[in-house]
Amino acid sequence: MAEPVPAPVKESRAWRFAFAVAGIMSTLVIYGVLQEKIMRVPYGKNKEYFRYSLFLVFCNRIATSAVSAGSLLASKKALDPVAPIYKYCAISISNILTTTCQYEALKYVSFPVQTLAKCAKMIPVMIWGTVIMQKKYNGKDYLFALLVTLGCSFFILYPASDISPHHTGRESTFLGVSLMIGYLGFDGFTSTFQDKLFKGYDMEIHNQIFYTTMCSCVLSLSGLVLQGHLVSAIEFMFRHHDCFYDVILLSSVATASQFFISYTIRTFGALTFATIMTTRQLLSILLSCVWFGHPLSWEQYVGAAIVFGTLYAKTLLKAKEQKPVVPSDPEEGIALTSENKS
């Protein structure tokens, strides 16, 4: 017979859980709202739109690489690369394409559509898992993926006819959906290849994040220079100081969210983290609808119910099938952290 858990231990665990939930919810919800504000709401009297997605990627990666380097130095761990540099670059390139597609999609579809579409990432992850890792999936996995895709299709194909005024002229379902398909494909490759890299090398999580983000910094900076967008993006922020503060805050919460994600997975396990993330996505959609005035049709409510109902059902079934295991190393949650970072 299992011994009862002492009350102080239960109370301590409850406080840690509250800390983890509050951290994830606050940072990622703010991150989502800021994404939409920067990419979809015009700045200044002349109603100028910020159009430099790659600049946001560059700022986010600079902040994350600095924090990762600081963590490695503080823990007195080596900064030497564990895997060949080109493998870090492969993750970096796919992650840049993932994030760029995500930001660009916000020019053409609303944040609720984008957020719900992200839930369909199970299908590309399963495809890349079969191709890269030779994984096999059962019928239940395919059923969940099909239901989520069905719910996302309802949400995207049946928008409300009343569009908020500041979105007029910028809605394009075809371009938006095309960019989201690109996002899902690249994101599926990123998380799968990260998983393969961790299985092939004895790698600390901050080591991979540092080299991946450093590669991203170099590549995104090169892209900005080649496109001639670096100076334009900086000039835009000089003209609109509120945009500058939005970008700084976006990079800060994107970096802070990684701490809370790693802490949650390490302390409570991947199943608890998955449940928190599903709830966070739902709250982000509701907040975006209220904050930016996105009307939803009844078909979209049905689609959202199908998606989140399926995700919660999947999490509950997994909880019954296996007892949640607290990972001994943060590497065990890297695929999840990389997905949500972008």
Protein backbone atom coordinates (compact mmCIF):
# COMPACT_ATOMS: atom_id res chain seq x y z
CA MET A 1 0.00 0.00 0.00
CA ALA A 2 1.43 3.36 -1.04
CA GLU A 3 2.33 5.74 1.76
CA PRO A 4 0.37 9.04 1.85
CA VAL A 5 2.20 12.07 0.54
CA PRO A 6 2.98 14.56 3.36
CA ALA A 7 0.89 17.77 3.28
CA PRO A 8 3.92 20.12 2.96
CA VAL A 9 5.10 18.16 -0.11
CA LYS A 10 1.63 18.38 -1.69
CA GLU A 11 1.47 22.11 -0.96
CA SER A 12 4.93 22.67 -2.42
CA ARG A 13 4.03 20.73 -5.57
CA ALA A 14 0.78 22.72 -5.90
CA TRP A 15 2.70 26.00 -5.71
CA ARG A 16 5.23 24.78 -8.30
CA PHE A 17 2.40 23.73 -10.59
CA ALA A 18 0.71 27.13 -10.19
CA PHE A 19 4.06 28.80 -10.97
CA ALA A 20 4.50 26.69 -14.12
CA VAL A 21 0.95 27.27 -15.38
CA ALA A 22 1.09 31.02 -14.68
CA GLY A 23 4.45 31.29 -16.44
CA ILE A 24 3.43 29.39 -19.56
CA MET A 25 0.03 31.05 -19.84
CA SER A 26 1.27 34.59 -19.31
CA THR A 27 4.33 34.44 -21.58
CA LEU A 28 2.78 32.56 -24.48
CA VAL A 29 -0.54 34.41 -24.41
CA ILE A 30 1.34 37.75 -24.43
CA TYR A 31 3.56 36.37 -27.20
CA GLY A 32 0.53 35.47 -29.31
CA VAL A 33 -1.19 38.82 -28.81
CA LEU A 34 2.03 40.71 -29.65
CA GLN A 35 2.51 38.67 -32.84
CA GLU A 36 -0.90 39.72 -34.07
CA LYS A 37 -0.47 43.33 -32.97
CA ILE A 38 2.89 43.74 -34.72
CA MET A 39 1.92 42.04 -37.98
CA ARG A 40 -1.75 43.04 -38.35
CA VAL A 41 -2.33 46.36 -36.61
CA PRO A 42 -1.00 49.52 -38.36
CA TYR A 43 1.32 51.94 -36.56
CA GLY A 44 1.23 55.74 -36.54
CA LYS A 45 -0.98 58.36 -38.14
CA ASN A 46 -0.18 57.07 -41.65
CA LYS A 47 -1.35 53.53 -40.74
CA GLU A 48 1.92 51.79 -41.66
CA TYR A 49 2.14 48.00 -41.36
CA PHE A 50 5.27 46.25 -40.09
CA ARG A 51 6.28 43.87 -42.90
CA TYR A 52 9.66 42.49 -41.82
CA SER A 53 8.99 39.01 -40.47
CA LEU A 54 12.63 37.95 -40.70
CA PHE A 55 13.63 40.84 -38.44
CA LEU A 56 11.37 39.45 -35.69
CA VAL A 57 13.02 36.04 -36.12
CA PHE A 58 16.45 37.69 -35.80
CA CYS A 59 15.50 39.56 -32.60
CA ASN A 60 13.96 36.46 -31.00
CA ARG A 61 16.99 34.29 -31.78
CA ILE A 62 19.49 36.89 -30.52
CA ALA A 63 17.71 36.97 -27.15
CA THR A 64 17.44 33.17 -26.89
CA SER A 65 21.07 32.53 -27.89
CA ALA A 66 22.29 35.03 -25.27
CA VAL A 67 20.26 33.35 -22.51
CA SER A 68 21.40 29.86 -23.62
CA ALA A 69 25.07 30.92 -23.60
CA GLY A 70 24.59 32.45 -20.15
CA SER A 71 23.01 29.21 -18.87
CA LEU A 72 25.90 27.11 -20.21
CA LEU A 73 28.53 29.44 -18.69
CA ALA A 74 26.67 29.68 -15.35
CA SER A 75 26.51 25.87 -15.10
CA LYS A 76 30.19 25.65 -16.18
CA LYS A 77 29.34 23.46 -19.15
CA ALA A 78 31.34 23.48 -22.36
CA LEU A 79 30.29 25.67 -25.27
CA ASP A 80 31.85 23.27 -27.77
CA PRO A 81 29.46 21.82 -30.40
CA VAL A 82 28.51 18.18 -29.78
CA ALA A 83 27.19 17.46 -33.30
CA PRO A 84 28.53 18.64 -36.69
CA ILE A 85 27.63 22.30 -37.31
CA TYR A 86 25.70 21.49 -40.49
CA LYS A 87 23.19 19.48 -38.43
CA TYR A 88 22.53 22.46 -36.19
CA CYS A 89 22.14 24.53 -39.37
CA ALA A 90 19.57 22.08 -40.77
CA ILE A 91 17.38 22.62 -37.68
CA SER A 92 18.05 26.34 -37.82
CA ILE A 93 16.99 26.70 -41.47
CA SER A 94 13.76 24.76 -41.00
CA ASN A 95 13.02 26.70 -37.79
CA ILE A 96 13.56 30.06 -39.55
CA LEU A 97 11.23 28.98 -42.36
CA THR A 98 8.70 27.81 -39.74
CA THR A 99 8.70 31.12 -37.88
CA THR A 100 8.73 33.23 -41.04
CA CYS A 101 5.70 31.37 -42.43
CA GLN A 102 3.97 31.88 -39.07
CA TYR A 103 4.54 35.65 -39.05
CA GLU A 104 3.75 36.07 -42.76
CA ALA A 105 0.50 34.12 -42.38
CA LEU A 106 -0.71 36.75 -39.91
CA LYS A 107 -0.77 39.25 -42.79
CA TYR A 108 -3.54 37.21 -44.45
CA VAL A 109 -5.43 35.26 -41.77
CA SER A 110 -6.49 36.10 -38.24
CA PHE A 111 -4.64 34.86 -35.16
CA PRO A 112 -7.50 32.49 -34.13
CA VAL A 113 -7.32 30.79 -37.56
CA GLN A 114 -3.55 30.51 -37.32
CA THR A 115 -3.58 29.19 -33.75
CA LEU A 116 -6.16 26.52 -34.47
CA ALA A 117 -4.36 25.50 -37.68
CA LYS A 118 -1.23 24.83 -35.59
CA CYS A 119 -3.13 22.04 -33.85
CA ALA A 120 -3.04 20.10 -37.14
CA LYS A 121 0.74 19.67 -36.81
CA MET A 122 0.19 16.03 -35.80
CA ILE A 123 -0.08 15.00 -39.45
CA PRO A 124 3.26 16.47 -40.68
CA VAL A 125 4.98 15.22 -37.51
CA MET A 126 3.67 11.71 -38.22
CA ILE A 127 4.79 11.95 -41.86
CA TRP A 128 8.29 13.16 -40.96
CA GLY A 129 8.48 10.61 -38.13
CA THR A 130 7.80 7.82 -40.63
CA VAL A 131 10.32 9.17 -43.16
CA ILE A 132 13.17 10.23 -40.84
CA MET A 133 12.76 8.03 -37.74
CA GLN A 134 10.96 5.03 -39.31
CA LYS A 135 8.28 5.31 -36.62
CA LYS A 136 5.00 3.40 -36.84
CA TYR A 137 1.63 4.77 -35.73
CA ASN A 138 -1.58 2.94 -34.85
CA GLY A 139 -5.12 3.55 -36.03
CA LYS A 140 -5.95 5.66 -32.96
CA ASP A 141 -3.16 8.13 -33.83
CA TYR A 142 -4.48 8.53 -37.37
CA LEU A 143 -8.06 8.96 -36.07
CA PHE A 144 -7.02 11.78 -33.72
CA ALA A 145 -5.05 13.46 -36.51
CA LEU A 146 -8.04 13.18 -38.86
CA LEU A 147 -10.47 14.67 -36.31
CA VAL A 148 -8.15 17.60 -35.55
CA THR A 149 -7.69 18.28 -39.27
CA LEU A 150 -11.47 18.13 -39.77
CA GLY A 151 -12.01 20.66 -36.96
CA CYS A 152 -9.32 22.97 -38.38
CA SER A 153 -10.94 22.74 -41.83
CA PHE A 154 -14.29 23.87 -40.39
CA PHE A 155 -12.59 26.79 -38.68
CA ILE A 156 -10.71 27.95 -41.80
CA LEU A 157 -13.33 27.31 -44.49
CA TYR A 158 -16.32 28.87 -42.71
CA PRO A 159 -15.22 32.29 -41.43
CA ALA A 160 -17.72 34.83 -40.14
CA SER A 161 -18.87 37.26 -42.81
CA ASP A 162 -18.37 40.30 -40.56
CA ILE A 163 -14.66 41.12 -40.64
CA SER A 164 -13.19 43.66 -38.27
CA PRO A 165 -12.50 47.01 -39.99
CA HIS A 166 -8.73 47.09 -39.56
CA HIS A 167 -8.45 43.73 -41.35
CA THR A 168 -10.16 44.97 -44.52
CA GLY A 169 -8.09 44.38 -47.62
CA ARG A 170 -5.59 42.11 -45.87
CA GLU A 171 -7.58 38.88 -45.68
CA SER A 172 -6.57 36.18 -48.16
CA THR A 173 -7.52 32.67 -47.20
CA PHE A 174 -5.52 31.01 -50.01
CA LEU A 175 -2.23 32.77 -49.20
CA GLY A 176 -2.80 32.42 -45.47
CA VAL A 177 -3.56 28.69 -45.69
CA SER A 178 -0.59 28.13 -48.05
CA LEU A 179 1.74 29.78 -45.54
CA MET A 180 0.24 27.76 -42.68
CA ILE A 181 0.79 24.53 -44.65
CA GLY A 182 4.41 25.63 -45.07
CA TYR A 183 4.58 26.34 -41.33
CA LEU A 184 3.23 22.88 -40.44
CA GLY A 185 5.59 21.09 -42.84
CA PHE A 186 8.74 22.90 -41.70
CA ASP A 187 7.76 22.70 -38.03
CA GLY A 188 7.19 18.95 -38.30
CA PHE A 189 10.67 18.51 -39.79
CA THR A 190 12.25 20.73 -37.10
CA SER A 191 10.89 18.79 -34.13
CA THR A 192 11.52 15.38 -35.74
CA PHE A 193 15.11 16.19 -36.71
CA GLN A 194 15.74 17.57 -33.21
CA ASP A 195 14.51 14.29 -31.78
CA LYS A 196 16.86 12.39 -34.12
CA LEU A 197 19.77 14.63 -33.12
CA PHE A 198 19.21 14.03 -29.41
CA LYS A 199 19.00 10.29 -29.93
CA GLY A 200 22.23 10.28 -31.94
CA TYR A 201 24.34 12.48 -29.65
CA ASP A 202 24.82 12.97 -25.90
CA MET A 203 23.63 16.58 -26.06
CA GLU A 204 22.58 19.07 -23.37
CA ILE A 205 19.47 21.08 -24.20
CA HIS A 206 21.15 24.50 -23.93
CA ASN A 207 23.97 23.33 -26.19
CA GLN A 208 21.54 22.59 -28.99
CA ILE A 209 19.52 25.76 -28.43
CA PHE A 210 22.70 27.89 -28.41
CA TYR A 211 24.12 26.57 -31.68
CA THR A 212 20.75 26.36 -33.41
CA THR A 213 19.85 29.93 -32.49
CA MET A 214 23.34 31.23 -33.37
CA CYS A 215 22.95 29.68 -36.83
CA SER A 216 19.51 31.29 -37.02
CA CYS A 217 20.99 34.69 -36.11
CA VAL A 218 23.57 34.47 -38.90
CA LEU A 219 21.08 33.19 -41.48
CA SER A 220 18.30 35.65 -40.61
CA LEU A 221 20.76 38.59 -40.55
CA SER A 222 22.13 37.51 -43.94
CA GLY A 223 18.58 37.28 -45.31
CA LEU A 224 17.75 40.76 -44.01
CA VAL A 225 20.87 42.25 -45.60
CA LEU A 226 20.30 40.49 -48.95
CA GLN A 227 16.66 41.62 -49.04
CA GLY A 228 17.61 45.15 -48.01
CA HIS A 229 15.17 44.96 -45.09
CA LEU A 230 17.54 45.43 -42.14
CA VAL A 231 17.81 49.22 -42.39
CA SER A 232 14.12 49.52 -43.31
CA ALA A 233 13.05 47.55 -40.21
CA ILE A 234 15.28 49.64 -37.92
CA GLU A 235 14.00 52.88 -39.50
CA PHE A 236 10.42 51.68 -39.00
CA MET A 237 11.04 51.21 -35.28
CA PHE A 238 12.71 54.62 -35.02
CA ARG A 239 9.59 56.15 -36.57
CA HIS A 240 7.27 54.14 -34.34
CA HIS A 241 8.66 53.75 -30.84
CA ASP A 242 5.67 51.66 -29.76
CA CYS A 243 6.69 49.07 -32.38
CA PHE A 244 10.22 49.02 -30.91
CA TYR A 245 8.82 48.28 -27.45
CA ASP A 246 6.52 45.60 -28.90
CA VAL A 247 9.48 43.84 -30.59
CA ILE A 248 11.61 43.99 -27.41
CA LEU A 249 8.73 42.57 -25.36
CA LEU A 250 8.05 39.88 -27.98
CA SER A 251 11.69 38.69 -27.85
CA SER A 252 11.68 38.77 -24.03
CA VAL A 253 8.52 36.70 -23.56
CA ALA A 254 9.61 34.27 -26.32
CA THR A 255 12.83 33.62 -24.39
CA ALA A 256 11.14 33.52 -20.98
CA SER A 257 8.59 31.00 -22.24
CA GLN A 258 11.41 28.50 -22.87
CA PHE A 259 12.33 28.52 -19.18
CA PHE A 260 8.75 27.79 -18.13
CA ILE A 261 8.31 25.09 -20.82
CA SER A 262 11.52 23.28 -19.80
CA TYR A 263 10.69 23.64 -16.10
CA THR A 264 7.17 22.22 -16.59
CA ILE A 265 8.29 19.20 -18.62
CA ARG A 266 11.16 18.46 -16.22
CA THR A 267 8.97 18.78 -13.10
CA PHE A 268 5.55 17.45 -14.16
CA GLY A 269 6.09 15.49 -17.39
CA ALA A 270 5.06 15.85 -21.01
CA LEU A 271 1.38 14.92 -20.49
CA THR A 272 0.78 17.75 -18.03
CA PHE A 273 2.59 20.12 -20.37
CA ALA A 274 0.44 19.02 -23.33
CA THR A 275 -2.74 19.72 -21.34
CA ILE A 276 -1.52 23.17 -20.31
CA MET A 277 -0.57 24.00 -23.91
CA THR A 278 -3.98 22.93 -25.23
CA THR A 279 -5.67 25.17 -22.67
CA ARG A 280 -3.30 28.00 -23.56
CA GLN A 281 -4.22 27.76 -27.25
CA LEU A 282 -7.91 27.91 -26.39
CA LEU A 283 -7.41 30.95 -24.14
CA SER A 284 -5.26 32.64 -26.81
CA ILE A 285 -8.05 32.28 -29.38
CA LEU A 286 -10.67 33.63 -26.97
CA LEU A 287 -8.44 36.56 -25.94
CA SER A 288 -7.66 37.41 -29.57
CA CYS A 289 -11.37 37.36 -30.45
CA VAL A 290 -12.13 39.79 -27.62
CA TRP A 291 -9.04 42.02 -27.97
CA PHE A 292 -9.01 42.38 -31.77
CA GLY A 293 -12.74 41.93 -32.42
CA HIS A 294 -12.63 38.69 -34.45
CA PRO A 295 -16.21 37.46 -35.03
CA LEU A 296 -16.68 33.67 -35.13
CA SER A 297 -19.31 31.77 -37.11
CA TRP A 298 -21.18 28.81 -35.60
CA GLU A 299 -19.17 26.48 -37.87
CA GLN A 300 -15.98 27.85 -36.34
CA TYR A 301 -17.29 27.17 -32.84
CA VAL A 302 -18.02 23.58 -33.93
CA GLY A 303 -14.54 23.27 -35.45
CA ALA A 304 -12.88 24.60 -32.29
CA ALA A 305 -14.92 22.19 -30.14
CA ILE A 306 -13.84 19.23 -32.33
CA VAL A 307 -10.16 20.23 -32.18
CA PHE A 308 -9.88 20.90 -28.45
CA GLY A 309 -12.20 18.01 -27.55
CA THR A 310 -9.96 15.65 -29.54
CA LEU A 311 -6.75 17.02 -28.00
CA TYR A 312 -8.07 16.70 -24.44
CA ALA A 313 -9.39 13.19 -25.18
CA LYS A 314 -5.99 12.18 -26.55
CA THR A 315 -4.24 13.51 -23.44
CA LEU A 316 -6.66 11.71 -21.09
CA LEU A 317 -6.27 8.41 -22.95
CA LYS A 318 -2.49 8.68 -22.76
CA ALA A 319 -2.72 9.39 -19.04
CA LYS A 320 -4.74 6.19 -18.55
CA GLU A 321 -2.47 4.07 -20.74
CA GLN A 322 0.75 5.04 -19.00
CA LYS A 323 1.69 6.68 -15.74
CA PRO A 324 3.22 10.10 -16.43
CA VAL A 325 7.00 10.02 -16.03
CA VAL A 326 8.93 13.06 -14.88
CA PRO A 327 11.89 13.40 -17.27
CA SER A 328 15.25 13.25 -15.52
CA ASP A 329 16.81 15.46 -18.20
CA PRO A 330 15.33 18.46 -20.00
CA GLU A 331 16.26 16.86 -23.35
CA GLU A 332 13.18 14.64 -23.05
CA GLY A 333 10.96 17.65 -23.78
CA ILE A 334 12.94 19.28 -26.58
CA ALA A 335 10.53 18.45 -29.41
CA LEU A 336 7.70 20.11 -27.50
CA THR A 337 9.73 23.17 -26.56
CA SER A 338 10.89 23.73 -30.12
CA GLU A 339 7.36 23.55 -31.48
CA ASN A 340 6.04 26.19 -29.18
CA LYS A 341 8.99 28.47 -29.28
CA SER A 342 8.35 29.61 -32.80
